[in-house]
Amino acid sequence: PNGPLYRQVVSVYPFIHGPITAEKLAVLLSLPPGTLTQRTLIFA
């Protein structure tokens, strides 16, 4: 609650190109703490 990321959206995966795969969901769920932009680039 007192941290800089509190209530921030820190990851997104829109199903624009279809649902996320199991392999990519595994990565999405295990990303390190960070901002939306940091975690998205690490995800990529």
ModelCIF file with pLDDT and N, C-alpha, C, O atoms, coordinates in Angstrom:
data_MODEL
#
_entry.id   MODEL 
#
_entity.id                         1 
_entity.type                       polymer 
_entity.pdbx_number_of_molecules   1 
#
_entity_poly.entity_id                      1 
_entity_poly.type                           'polypeptide(L)' 
_entity_poly.nstd_linkage                   no 
_entity_poly.nstd_monomer                   no 
_entity_poly.pdbx_seq_one_letter_code       PNGPLYRQVVSVYPFIHGPITAEKLAVLLSLPPGTLTQRTLIFA 
_entity_poly.pdbx_seq_one_letter_code_can   PNGPLYRQVVSVYPFIHGPITAEKLAVLLSLPPGTLTQRTLIFA 
_entity_poly.pdbx_strand_id                 A 
#
loop_
_entity_poly_seq.entity_id 
_entity_poly_seq.num 
_entity_poly_seq.mon_id 
_entity_poly_seq.hetero 
1 1  PRO n 
1 2  ASN n 
1 3  GLY n 
1 4  PRO n 
1 5  LEU n 
1 6  TYR n 
1 7  ARG n 
1 8  GLN n 
1 9  VAL n 
1 10 VAL n 
1 11 SER n 
1 12 VAL n 
1 13 TYR n 
1 14 PRO n 
1 15 PHE n 
1 16 ILE n 
1 17 HIS n 
1 18 GLY n 
1 19 PRO n 
1 20 ILE n 
1 21 THR n 
1 22 ALA n 
1 23 GLU n 
1 24 LYS n 
1 25 LEU n 
1 26 ALA n 
1 27 VAL n 
1 28 LEU n 
1 29 LEU n 
1 30 SER n 
1 31 LEU n 
1 32 PRO n 
1 33 PRO n 
1 34 GLY n 
1 35 THR n 
1 36 LEU n 
1 37 THR n 
1 38 GLN n 
1 39 ARG n 
1 40 THR n 
1 41 LEU n 
1 42 ILE n 
1 43 PHE n 
1 44 ALA n 
#
_struct_asym.id          A 
_struct_asym.entity_id   1 
#
loop_
_ma_qa_metric.id 
_ma_qa_metric.mode 
_ma_qa_metric.name 
_ma_qa_metric.software_group_id 
_ma_qa_metric.type 
1 global pLDDT . pLDDT 
2 local  pLDDT . pLDDT 
#
_ma_qa_metric_global.metric_id      1 
_ma_qa_metric_global.metric_value   96.68 
_ma_qa_metric_global.model_id       1 
_ma_qa_metric_global.ordinal_id     1 
#
loop_
_ma_qa_metric_local.label_asym_id 
_ma_qa_metric_local.label_comp_id 
_ma_qa_metric_local.label_seq_id 
_ma_qa_metric_local.metric_id 
_ma_qa_metric_local.metric_value 
_ma_qa_metric_local.model_id 
_ma_qa_metric_local.ordinal_id 
A PRO 1  2 95.00 1 1  
A ASN 2  2 94.00 1 2  
A GLY 3  2 95.00 1 3  
A PRO 4  2 95.00 1 4  
A LEU 5  2 97.00 1 5  
A TYR 6  2 97.00 1 6  
A ARG 7  2 97.00 1 7  
A GLN 8  2 98.00 1 8  
A VAL 9  2 98.00 1 9  
A VAL 10 2 98.00 1 10 
A SER 11 2 98.00 1 11 
A VAL 12 2 98.00 1 12 
A TYR 13 2 98.00 1 13 
A PRO 14 2 97.00 1 14 
A PHE 15 2 96.00 1 15 
A ILE 16 2 94.00 1 16 
A HIS 17 2 89.00 1 17 
A GLY 18 2 91.00 1 18 
A PRO 19 2 94.00 1 19 
A ILE 20 2 96.00 1 20 
A THR 21 2 95.00 1 21 
A ALA 22 2 96.00 1 22 
A GLU 23 2 96.00 1 23 
A LYS 24 2 97.00 1 24 
A LEU 25 2 97.00 1 25 
A ALA 26 2 97.00 1 26 
A VAL 27 2 98.00 1 27 
A LEU 28 2 98.00 1 28 
A LEU 29 2 98.00 1 29 
A SER 30 2 97.00 1 30 
A LEU 31 2 98.00 1 31 
A PRO 32 2 97.00 1 32 
A PRO 33 2 97.00 1 33 
A GLY 34 2 98.00 1 34 
A THR 35 2 98.00 1 35 
A LEU 36 2 98.00 1 36 
A THR 37 2 98.00 1 37 
A GLN 38 2 98.00 1 38 
A ARG 39 2 98.00 1 39 
A THR 40 2 98.00 1 40 
A LEU 41 2 98.00 1 41 
A ILE 42 2 98.00 1 42 
A PHE 43 2 98.00 1 43 
A ALA 44 2 98.00 1 44 
#
loop_
_atom_site.group_PDB 
_atom_site.id 
_atom_site.type_symbol 
_atom_site.label_atom_id 
_atom_site.label_alt_id 
_atom_site.label_comp_id 
_atom_site.label_asym_id 
_atom_site.label_entity_id 
_atom_site.label_seq_id 
_atom_site.pdbx_PDB_ins_code 
_atom_site.Cartn_x 
_atom_site.Cartn_y 
_atom_site.Cartn_z 
_atom_site.occupancy 
_atom_site.B_iso_or_equiv 
_atom_site.pdbx_formal_charge 
_atom_site.auth_seq_id 
_atom_site.auth_comp_id 
_atom_site.auth_asym_id 
_atom_site.auth_atom_id 
_atom_site.pdbx_PDB_model_num 
ATOM 1   N N  . PRO A 1 1  ? 0.803  -1.231  0.000   1.00 95.00 ? 1  PRO A N  1 
ATOM 2   C CA . PRO A 1 1  ? 0.000  0.000   0.000   1.00 95.00 ? 1  PRO A CA 1 
ATOM 3   C C  . PRO A 1 1  ? 0.834  1.279   0.000   1.00 95.00 ? 1  PRO A C  1 
ATOM 4   O O  . PRO A 1 1  ? 0.367  2.310   -0.485  1.00 95.00 ? 1  PRO A O  1 
ATOM 5   N N  . ASN A 1 2  ? 2.038  1.238   0.524   1.00 94.00 ? 2  ASN A N  1 
ATOM 6   C CA . ASN A 1 2  ? 2.887  2.426   0.558   1.00 94.00 ? 2  ASN A CA 1 
ATOM 7   C C  . ASN A 1 2  ? 3.959  2.411   -0.525  1.00 94.00 ? 2  ASN A C  1 
ATOM 8   O O  . ASN A 1 2  ? 4.827  3.284   -0.564  1.00 94.00 ? 2  ASN A O  1 
ATOM 9   N N  . GLY A 1 3  ? 3.892  1.423   -1.398  1.00 95.00 ? 3  GLY A N  1 
ATOM 10  C CA . GLY A 1 3  ? 4.908  1.299   -2.439  1.00 95.00 ? 3  GLY A CA 1 
ATOM 11  C C  . GLY A 1 3  ? 4.565  2.089   -3.688  1.00 95.00 ? 3  GLY A C  1 
ATOM 12  O O  . GLY A 1 3  ? 3.411  2.481   -3.864  1.00 95.00 ? 3  GLY A O  1 
ATOM 13  N N  . PRO A 1 4  ? 5.539  2.335   -4.563  1.00 95.00 ? 4  PRO A N  1 
ATOM 14  C CA . PRO A 1 4  ? 5.328  3.146   -5.771  1.00 95.00 ? 4  PRO A CA 1 
ATOM 15  C C  . PRO A 1 4  ? 4.450  2.468   -6.821  1.00 95.00 ? 4  PRO A C  1 
ATOM 16  O O  . PRO A 1 4  ? 3.931  3.138   -7.714  1.00 95.00 ? 4  PRO A O  1 
ATOM 17  N N  . LEU A 1 5  ? 4.276  1.151   -6.727  1.00 97.00 ? 5  LEU A N  1 
ATOM 18  C CA . LEU A 1 5  ? 3.486  0.433   -7.730  1.00 97.00 ? 5  LEU A CA 1 
ATOM 19  C C  . LEU A 1 5  ? 2.067  0.144   -7.264  1.00 97.00 ? 5  LEU A C  1 
ATOM 20  O O  . LEU A 1 5  ? 1.299  -0.486  -7.992  1.00 97.00 ? 5  LEU A O  1 
ATOM 21  N N  . TYR A 1 6  ? 1.703  0.589   -6.073  1.00 97.00 ? 6  TYR A N  1 
ATOM 22  C CA . TYR A 1 6  ? 0.404  0.254   -5.487  1.00 97.00 ? 6  TYR A CA 1 
ATOM 23  C C  . TYR A 1 6  ? -0.747 0.724   -6.371  1.00 97.00 ? 6  TYR A C  1 
ATOM 24  O O  . TYR A 1 6  ? -0.822 1.891   -6.754  1.00 97.00 ? 6  TYR A O  1 
ATOM 25  N N  . ARG A 1 7  ? -1.640 -0.210  -6.683  1.00 97.00 ? 7  ARG A N  1 
ATOM 26  C CA . ARG A 1 7  ? -2.826 0.007   -7.513  1.00 97.00 ? 7  ARG A CA 1 
ATOM 27  C C  . ARG A 1 7  ? -2.477 0.378   -8.962  1.00 97.00 ? 7  ARG A C  1 
ATOM 28  O O  . ARG A 1 7  ? -3.315 0.904   -9.694  1.00 97.00 ? 7  ARG A O  1 
ATOM 29  N N  . GLN A 1 8  ? -1.246 0.100   -9.360  1.00 98.00 ? 8  GLN A N  1 
ATOM 30  C CA . GLN A 1 8  ? -0.835 0.358   -10.735 1.00 98.00 ? 8  GLN A CA 1 
ATOM 31  C C  . GLN A 1 8  ? -1.024 -0.889  -11.595 1.00 98.00 ? 8  GLN A C  1 
ATOM 32  O O  . GLN A 1 8  ? -0.775 -2.007  -11.143 1.00 98.00 ? 8  GLN A O  1 
ATOM 33  N N  . VAL A 1 9  ? -1.464 -0.691  -12.832 1.00 98.00 ? 9  VAL A N  1 
ATOM 34  C CA . VAL A 1 9  ? -1.485 -1.788  -13.805 1.00 98.00 ? 9  VAL A CA 1 
ATOM 35  C C  . VAL A 1 9  ? -0.037 -2.066  -14.201 1.00 98.00 ? 9  VAL A C  1 
ATOM 36  O O  . VAL A 1 9  ? 0.636  -1.188  -14.741 1.00 98.00 ? 9  VAL A O  1 
ATOM 37  N N  . VAL A 1 10 ? 0.442  -3.272  -13.938 1.00 98.00 ? 10 VAL A N  1 
ATOM 38  C CA . VAL A 1 10 ? 1.857  -3.582  -14.171 1.00 98.00 ? 10 VAL A CA 1 
ATOM 39  C C  . VAL A 1 10 ? 2.065  -4.605  -15.288 1.00 98.00 ? 10 VAL A C  1 
ATOM 40  O O  . VAL A 1 10 ? 3.206  -4.866  -15.671 1.00 98.00 ? 10 VAL A O  1 
ATOM 41  N N  . SER A 1 11 ? 0.998  -5.182  -15.811 1.00 98.00 ? 11 SER A N  1 
ATOM 42  C CA . SER A 1 11 ? 1.110  -6.072  -16.975 1.00 98.00 ? 11 SER A CA 1 
ATOM 43  C C  . SER A 1 11 ? -0.211 -6.058  -17.736 1.00 98.00 ? 11 SER A C  1 
ATOM 44  O O  . SER A 1 11 ? -1.285 -5.943  -17.146 1.00 98.00 ? 11 SER A O  1 
ATOM 45  N N  . VAL A 1 12 ? -0.109 -6.176  -19.041 1.00 98.00 ? 12 VAL A N  1 
ATOM 46  C CA . VAL A 1 12 ? -1.297 -6.324  -19.886 1.00 98.00 ? 12 VAL A CA 1 
ATOM 47  C C  . VAL A 1 12 ? -0.998 -7.351  -20.964 1.00 98.00 ? 12 VAL A C  1 
ATOM 48  O O  . VAL A 1 12 ? 0.137  -7.481  -21.423 1.00 98.00 ? 12 VAL A O  1 
ATOM 49  N N  . TYR A 1 13 ? -2.027 -8.074  -21.357 1.00 98.00 ? 13 TYR A N  1 
ATOM 50  C CA . TYR A 1 13 ? -1.941 -8.964  -22.517 1.00 98.00 ? 13 TYR A CA 1 
ATOM 51  C C  . TYR A 1 13 ? -3.307 -8.975  -23.187 1.00 98.00 ? 13 TYR A C  1 
ATOM 52  O O  . TYR A 1 13 ? -4.127 -9.852  -22.914 1.00 98.00 ? 13 TYR A O  1 
ATOM 53  N N  . PRO A 1 14 ? -3.558 -7.994  -24.074 1.00 97.00 ? 14 PRO A N  1 
ATOM 54  C CA . PRO A 1 14 ? -4.836 -7.995  -24.794 1.00 97.00 ? 14 PRO A CA 1 
ATOM 55  C C  . PRO A 1 14 ? -4.898 -9.147  -25.776 1.00 97.00 ? 14 PRO A C  1 
ATOM 56  O O  . PRO A 1 14 ? -3.900 -9.485  -26.413 1.00 97.00 ? 14 PRO A O  1 
ATOM 57  N N  . PHE A 1 15 ? -6.069 -9.750  -25.898 1.00 96.00 ? 15 PHE A N  1 
ATOM 58  C CA . PHE A 1 15 ? -6.239 -10.890 -26.797 1.00 96.00 ? 15 PHE A CA 1 
ATOM 59  C C  . PHE A 1 15 ? -6.516 -10.430 -28.232 1.00 96.00 ? 15 PHE A C  1 
ATOM 60  O O  . PHE A 1 15 ? -7.376 -10.989 -28.913 1.00 96.00 ? 15 PHE A O  1 
ATOM 61  N N  . ILE A 1 16 ? -5.792 -9.423  -28.678 1.00 94.00 ? 16 ILE A N  1 
ATOM 62  C CA . ILE A 1 16 ? -5.999 -8.879  -30.023 1.00 94.00 ? 16 ILE A CA 1 
ATOM 63  C C  . ILE A 1 16 ? -5.642 -9.914  -31.092 1.00 94.00 ? 16 ILE A C  1 
ATOM 64  O O  . ILE A 1 16 ? -6.313 -10.022 -32.119 1.00 94.00 ? 16 ILE A O  1 
ATOM 65  N N  . HIS A 1 17 ? -4.586 -10.666 -30.834 1.00 89.00 ? 17 HIS A N  1 
ATOM 66  C CA . HIS A 1 17 ? -4.133 -11.681 -31.796 1.00 89.00 ? 17 HIS A CA 1 
ATOM 67  C C  . HIS A 1 17 ? -4.521 -13.088 -31.342 1.00 89.00 ? 17 HIS A C  1 
ATOM 68  O O  . HIS A 1 17 ? -3.947 -14.074 -31.805 1.00 89.00 ? 17 HIS A O  1 
ATOM 69  N N  . GLY A 1 18 ? -5.485 -13.176 -30.446 1.00 91.00 ? 18 GLY A N  1 
ATOM 70  C CA . GLY A 1 18 ? -5.911 -14.457 -29.910 1.00 91.00 ? 18 GLY A CA 1 
ATOM 71  C C  . GLY A 1 18 ? -5.508 -14.589 -28.451 1.00 91.00 ? 18 GLY A C  1 
ATOM 72  O O  . GLY A 1 18 ? -4.681 -13.818 -27.964 1.00 91.00 ? 18 GLY A O  1 
ATOM 73  N N  . PRO A 1 19 ? -6.088 -15.565 -27.743 1.00 94.00 ? 19 PRO A N  1 
ATOM 74  C CA . PRO A 1 19 ? -5.784 -15.753 -26.321 1.00 94.00 ? 19 PRO A CA 1 
ATOM 75  C C  . PRO A 1 19 ? -4.307 -16.035 -26.093 1.00 94.00 ? 19 PRO A C  1 
ATOM 76  O O  . PRO A 1 19 ? -3.616 -16.531 -26.982 1.00 94.00 ? 19 PRO A O  1 
ATOM 77  N N  . ILE A 1 20 ? -3.839 -15.722 -24.918 1.00 96.00 ? 20 ILE A N  1 
ATOM 78  C CA . ILE A 1 20 ? -2.467 -16.001 -24.540 1.00 96.00 ? 20 ILE A CA 1 
ATOM 79  C C  . ILE A 1 20 ? -2.240 -17.513 -24.493 1.00 96.00 ? 20 ILE A C  1 
ATOM 80  O O  . ILE A 1 20 ? -3.150 -18.271 -24.156 1.00 96.00 ? 20 ILE A O  1 
ATOM 81  N N  . THR A 1 21 ? -1.039 -17.942 -24.830 1.00 95.00 ? 21 THR A N  1 
ATOM 82  C CA . THR A 1 21 ? -0.706 -19.368 -24.762 1.00 95.00 ? 21 THR A CA 1 
ATOM 83  C C  . THR A 1 21 ? -0.314 -19.737 -23.330 1.00 95.00 ? 21 THR A C  1 
ATOM 84  O O  . THR A 1 21 ? -0.045 -18.869 -22.499 1.00 95.00 ? 21 THR A O  1 
ATOM 85  N N  . ALA A 1 22 ? -0.289 -21.030 -23.067 1.00 96.00 ? 22 ALA A N  1 
ATOM 86  C CA . ALA A 1 22 ? 0.124  -21.488 -21.737 1.00 96.00 ? 22 ALA A CA 1 
ATOM 87  C C  . ALA A 1 22 ? 1.563  -21.081 -21.445 1.00 96.00 ? 22 ALA A C  1 
ATOM 88  O O  . ALA A 1 22 ? 1.884  -20.691 -20.322 1.00 96.00 ? 22 ALA A O  1 
ATOM 89  N N  . GLU A 1 23 ? 2.422  -21.169 -22.443 1.00 96.00 ? 23 GLU A N  1 
ATOM 90  C CA . GLU A 1 23 ? 3.824  -20.818 -22.247 1.00 96.00 ? 23 GLU A CA 1 
ATOM 91  C C  . GLU A 1 23 ? 3.981  -19.341 -21.908 1.00 96.00 ? 23 GLU A C  1 
ATOM 92  O O  . GLU A 1 23 ? 4.758  -18.983 -21.023 1.00 96.00 ? 23 GLU A O  1 
ATOM 93  N N  . LYS A 1 24 ? 3.245  -18.485 -22.610 1.00 97.00 ? 24 LYS A N  1 
ATOM 94  C CA . LYS A 1 24 ? 3.353  -17.049 -22.332 1.00 97.00 ? 24 LYS A CA 1 
ATOM 95  C C  . LYS A 1 24 ? 2.676  -16.677 -21.015 1.00 97.00 ? 24 LYS A C  1 
ATOM 96  O O  . LYS A 1 24 ? 3.125  -15.762 -20.325 1.00 97.00 ? 24 LYS A O  1 
ATOM 97  N N  . LEU A 1 25 ? 1.604  -17.376 -20.664 1.00 97.00 ? 25 LEU A N  1 
ATOM 98  C CA . LEU A 1 25 ? 0.970  -17.102 -19.372 1.00 97.00 ? 25 LEU A CA 1 
ATOM 99  C C  . LEU A 1 25 ? 1.922  -17.451 -18.242 1.00 97.00 ? 25 LEU A C  1 
ATOM 100 O O  . LEU A 1 25 ? 1.979  -16.740 -17.238 1.00 97.00 ? 25 LEU A O  1 
ATOM 101 N N  . ALA A 1 26 ? 2.671  -18.536 -18.390 1.00 97.00 ? 26 ALA A N  1 
ATOM 102 C CA . ALA A 1 26 ? 3.650  -18.905 -17.368 1.00 97.00 ? 26 ALA A CA 1 
ATOM 103 C C  . ALA A 1 26 ? 4.659  -17.793 -17.162 1.00 97.00 ? 26 ALA A C  1 
ATOM 104 O O  . ALA A 1 26 ? 5.050  -17.513 -16.029 1.00 97.00 ? 26 ALA A O  1 
ATOM 105 N N  . VAL A 1 27 ? 5.088  -17.156 -18.243 1.00 98.00 ? 27 VAL A N  1 
ATOM 106 C CA . VAL A 1 27 ? 6.021  -16.042 -18.133 1.00 98.00 ? 27 VAL A CA 1 
ATOM 107 C C  . VAL A 1 27 ? 5.347  -14.839 -17.485 1.00 98.00 ? 27 VAL A C  1 
ATOM 108 O O  . VAL A 1 27 ? 5.915  -14.208 -16.593 1.00 98.00 ? 27 VAL A O  1 
ATOM 109 N N  . LEU A 1 28 ? 4.139  -14.525 -17.934 1.00 98.00 ? 28 LEU A N  1 
ATOM 110 C CA . LEU A 1 28 ? 3.417  -13.362 -17.408 1.00 98.00 ? 28 LEU A CA 1 
ATOM 111 C C  . LEU A 1 28 ? 3.244  -13.450 -15.896 1.00 98.00 ? 28 LEU A C  1 
ATOM 112 O O  . LEU A 1 28 ? 3.352  -12.443 -15.196 1.00 98.00 ? 28 LEU A O  1 
ATOM 113 N N  . LEU A 1 29 ? 2.976  -14.646 -15.394 1.00 98.00 ? 29 LEU A N  1 
ATOM 114 C CA . LEU A 1 29 ? 2.727  -14.830 -13.973 1.00 98.00 ? 29 LEU A CA 1 
ATOM 115 C C  . LEU A 1 29 ? 3.998  -14.827 -13.134 1.00 98.00 ? 29 LEU A C  1 
ATOM 116 O O  . LEU A 1 29 ? 3.928  -14.782 -11.906 1.00 98.00 ? 29 LEU A O  1 
ATOM 117 N N  . SER A 1 30 ? 5.156  -14.875 -13.780 1.00 97.00 ? 30 SER A N  1 
ATOM 118 C CA . SER A 1 30 ? 6.410  -14.979 -13.031 1.00 97.00 ? 30 SER A CA 1 
ATOM 119 C C  . SER A 1 30 ? 7.344  -13.793 -13.249 1.00 97.00 ? 30 SER A C  1 
ATOM 120 O O  . SER A 1 30 ? 8.532  -13.883 -12.937 1.00 97.00 ? 30 SER A O  1 
ATOM 121 N N  . LEU A 1 31 ? 6.831  -12.689 -13.777 1.00 98.00 ? 31 LEU A N  1 
ATOM 122 C CA . LEU A 1 31 ? 7.665  -11.518 -14.015 1.00 98.00 ? 31 LEU A CA 1 
ATOM 123 C C  . LEU A 1 31 ? 8.104  -10.880 -12.696 1.00 98.00 ? 31 LEU A C  1 
ATOM 124 O O  . LEU A 1 31 ? 7.370  -10.940 -11.709 1.00 98.00 ? 31 LEU A O  1 
ATOM 125 N N  . PRO A 1 32 ? 9.282  -10.276 -12.667 1.00 97.00 ? 32 PRO A N  1 
ATOM 126 C CA . PRO A 1 32 ? 9.736  -9.607  -11.444 1.00 97.00 ? 32 PRO A CA 1 
ATOM 127 C C  . PRO A 1 32 ? 8.964  -8.308  -11.226 1.00 97.00 ? 32 PRO A C  1 
ATOM 128 O O  . PRO A 1 32 ? 8.364  -7.789  -12.168 1.00 97.00 ? 32 PRO A O  1 
ATOM 129 N N  . PRO A 1 33 ? 8.967  -7.774  -10.005 1.00 97.00 ? 33 PRO A N  1 
ATOM 130 C CA . PRO A 1 33 ? 8.287  -6.504  -9.744  1.00 97.00 ? 33 PRO A CA 1 
ATOM 131 C C  . PRO A 1 33 ? 8.833  -5.401  -10.644 1.00 97.00 ? 33 PRO A C  1 
ATOM 132 O O  . PRO A 1 33 ? 10.029 -5.346  -10.930 1.00 97.00 ? 33 PRO A O  1 
ATOM 133 N N  . GLY A 1 34 ? 7.936  -4.528  -11.083 1.00 98.00 ? 34 GLY A N  1 
ATOM 134 C CA . GLY A 1 34 ? 8.357  -3.429  -11.937 1.00 98.00 ? 34 GLY A CA 1 
ATOM 135 C C  . GLY A 1 34 ? 7.157  -2.701  -12.498 1.00 98.00 ? 34 GLY A C  1 
ATOM 136 O O  . GLY A 1 34 ? 6.012  -3.075  -12.242 1.00 98.00 ? 34 GLY A O  1 
ATOM 137 N N  . THR A 1 35 ? 7.422  -1.664  -13.262 1.00 98.00 ? 35 THR A N  1 
ATOM 138 C CA . THR A 1 35 ? 6.347  -0.899  -13.883 1.00 98.00 ? 35 THR A CA 1 
ATOM 139 C C  . THR A 1 35 ? 5.792  -1.650  -15.083 1.00 98.00 ? 35 THR A C  1 
ATOM 140 O O  . THR A 1 35 ? 6.339  -2.672  -15.496 1.00 98.00 ? 35 THR A O  1 
ATOM 141 N N  . LEU A 1 36 ? 4.711  -1.139  -15.632 1.00 98.00 ? 36 LEU A N  1 
ATOM 142 C CA . LEU A 1 36 ? 4.095  -1.749  -16.808 1.00 98.00 ? 36 LEU A CA 1 
ATOM 143 C C  . LEU A 1 36 ? 5.078  -1.832  -17.965 1.00 98.00 ? 36 LEU A C  1 
ATOM 144 O O  . LEU A 1 36 ? 5.174  -2.868  -18.622 1.00 98.00 ? 36 LEU A O  1 
ATOM 145 N N  . THR A 1 37 ? 5.809  -0.753  -18.221 1.00 98.00 ? 37 THR A N  1 
ATOM 146 C CA . THR A 1 37 ? 6.731  -0.750  -19.355 1.00 98.00 ? 37 THR A CA 1 
ATOM 147 C C  . THR A 1 37 ? 7.914  -1.670  -19.111 1.00 98.00 ? 37 THR A C  1 
ATOM 148 O O  . THR A 1 37 ? 8.366  -2.350  -20.032 1.00 98.00 ? 37 THR A O  1 
ATOM 149 N N  . GLN A 1 38 ? 8.421  -1.702  -17.887 1.00 98.00 ? 38 GLN A N  1 
ATOM 150 C CA . GLN A 1 38 ? 9.551  -2.579  -17.583 1.00 98.00 ? 38 GLN A CA 1 
ATOM 151 C C  . GLN A 1 38 ? 9.158  -4.047  -17.728 1.00 98.00 ? 38 GLN A C  1 
ATOM 152 O O  . GLN A 1 38 ? 9.856  -4.827  -18.377 1.00 98.00 ? 38 GLN A O  1 
ATOM 153 N N  . ARG A 1 39 ? 8.042  -4.410  -17.119 1.00 98.00 ? 39 ARG A N  1 
ATOM 154 C CA . ARG A 1 39 ? 7.622  -5.813  -17.153 1.00 98.00 ? 39 ARG A CA 1 
ATOM 155 C C  . ARG A 1 39 ? 7.245  -6.257  -18.571 1.00 98.00 ? 39 ARG A C  1 
ATOM 156 O O  . ARG A 1 39 ? 7.467  -7.411  -18.938 1.00 98.00 ? 39 ARG A O  1 
ATOM 157 N N  . THR A 1 40 ? 6.683  -5.357  -19.357 1.00 98.00 ? 40 THR A N  1 
ATOM 158 C CA . THR A 1 40 ? 6.298  -5.734  -20.722 1.00 98.00 ? 40 THR A CA 1 
ATOM 159 C C  . THR A 1 40 ? 7.516  -6.011  -21.579 1.00 98.00 ? 40 THR A C  1 
ATOM 160 O O  . THR A 1 40 ? 7.515  -6.956  -22.368 1.00 98.00 ? 40 THR A O  1 
ATOM 161 N N  . LEU A 1 41 ? 8.558  -5.202  -21.437 1.00 98.00 ? 41 LEU A N  1 
ATOM 162 C CA . LEU A 1 41 ? 9.767  -5.447  -22.224 1.00 98.00 ? 41 LEU A CA 1 
ATOM 163 C C  . LEU A 1 41 ? 10.472 -6.720  -21.754 1.00 98.00 ? 41 LEU A C  1 
ATOM 164 O O  . LEU A 1 41 ? 10.986 -7.477  -22.577 1.00 98.00 ? 41 LEU A O  1 
ATOM 165 N N  . ILE A 1 42 ? 10.500 -6.962  -20.454 1.00 98.00 ? 42 ILE A N  1 
ATOM 166 C CA . ILE A 1 42 ? 11.067 -8.217  -19.943 1.00 98.00 ? 42 ILE A CA 1 
ATOM 167 C C  . ILE A 1 42 ? 10.257 -9.402  -20.457 1.00 98.00 ? 42 ILE A C  1 
ATOM 168 O O  . ILE A 1 42 ? 10.825 -10.434 -20.815 1.00 98.00 ? 42 ILE A O  1 
ATOM 169 N N  . PHE A 1 43 ? 8.925  -9.260  -20.495 1.00 98.00 ? 43 PHE A N  1 
ATOM 170 C CA . PHE A 1 43 ? 8.057  -10.311 -21.029 1.00 98.00 ? 43 PHE A CA 1 
ATOM 171 C C  . PHE A 1 43 ? 8.405  -10.608 -22.486 1.00 98.00 ? 43 PHE A C  1 
ATOM 172 O O  . PHE A 1 43 ? 8.484  -11.770 -22.884 1.00 98.00 ? 43 PHE A O  1 
ATOM 173 N N  . ALA A 1 44 ? 8.612  -9.558  -23.282 1.00 98.00 ? 44 ALA A N  1 
ATOM 174 C CA . ALA A 1 44 ? 8.938  -9.750  -24.698 1.00 98.00 ? 44 ALA A CA 1 
ATOM 175 C C  . ALA A 1 44 ? 10.273 -10.453 -24.864 1.00 98.00 ? 44 ALA A C  1 
ATOM 176 O O  . ALA A 1 44 ? 10.707 -10.698 -25.990 1.00 98.00 ? 44 ALA A O  1 
#
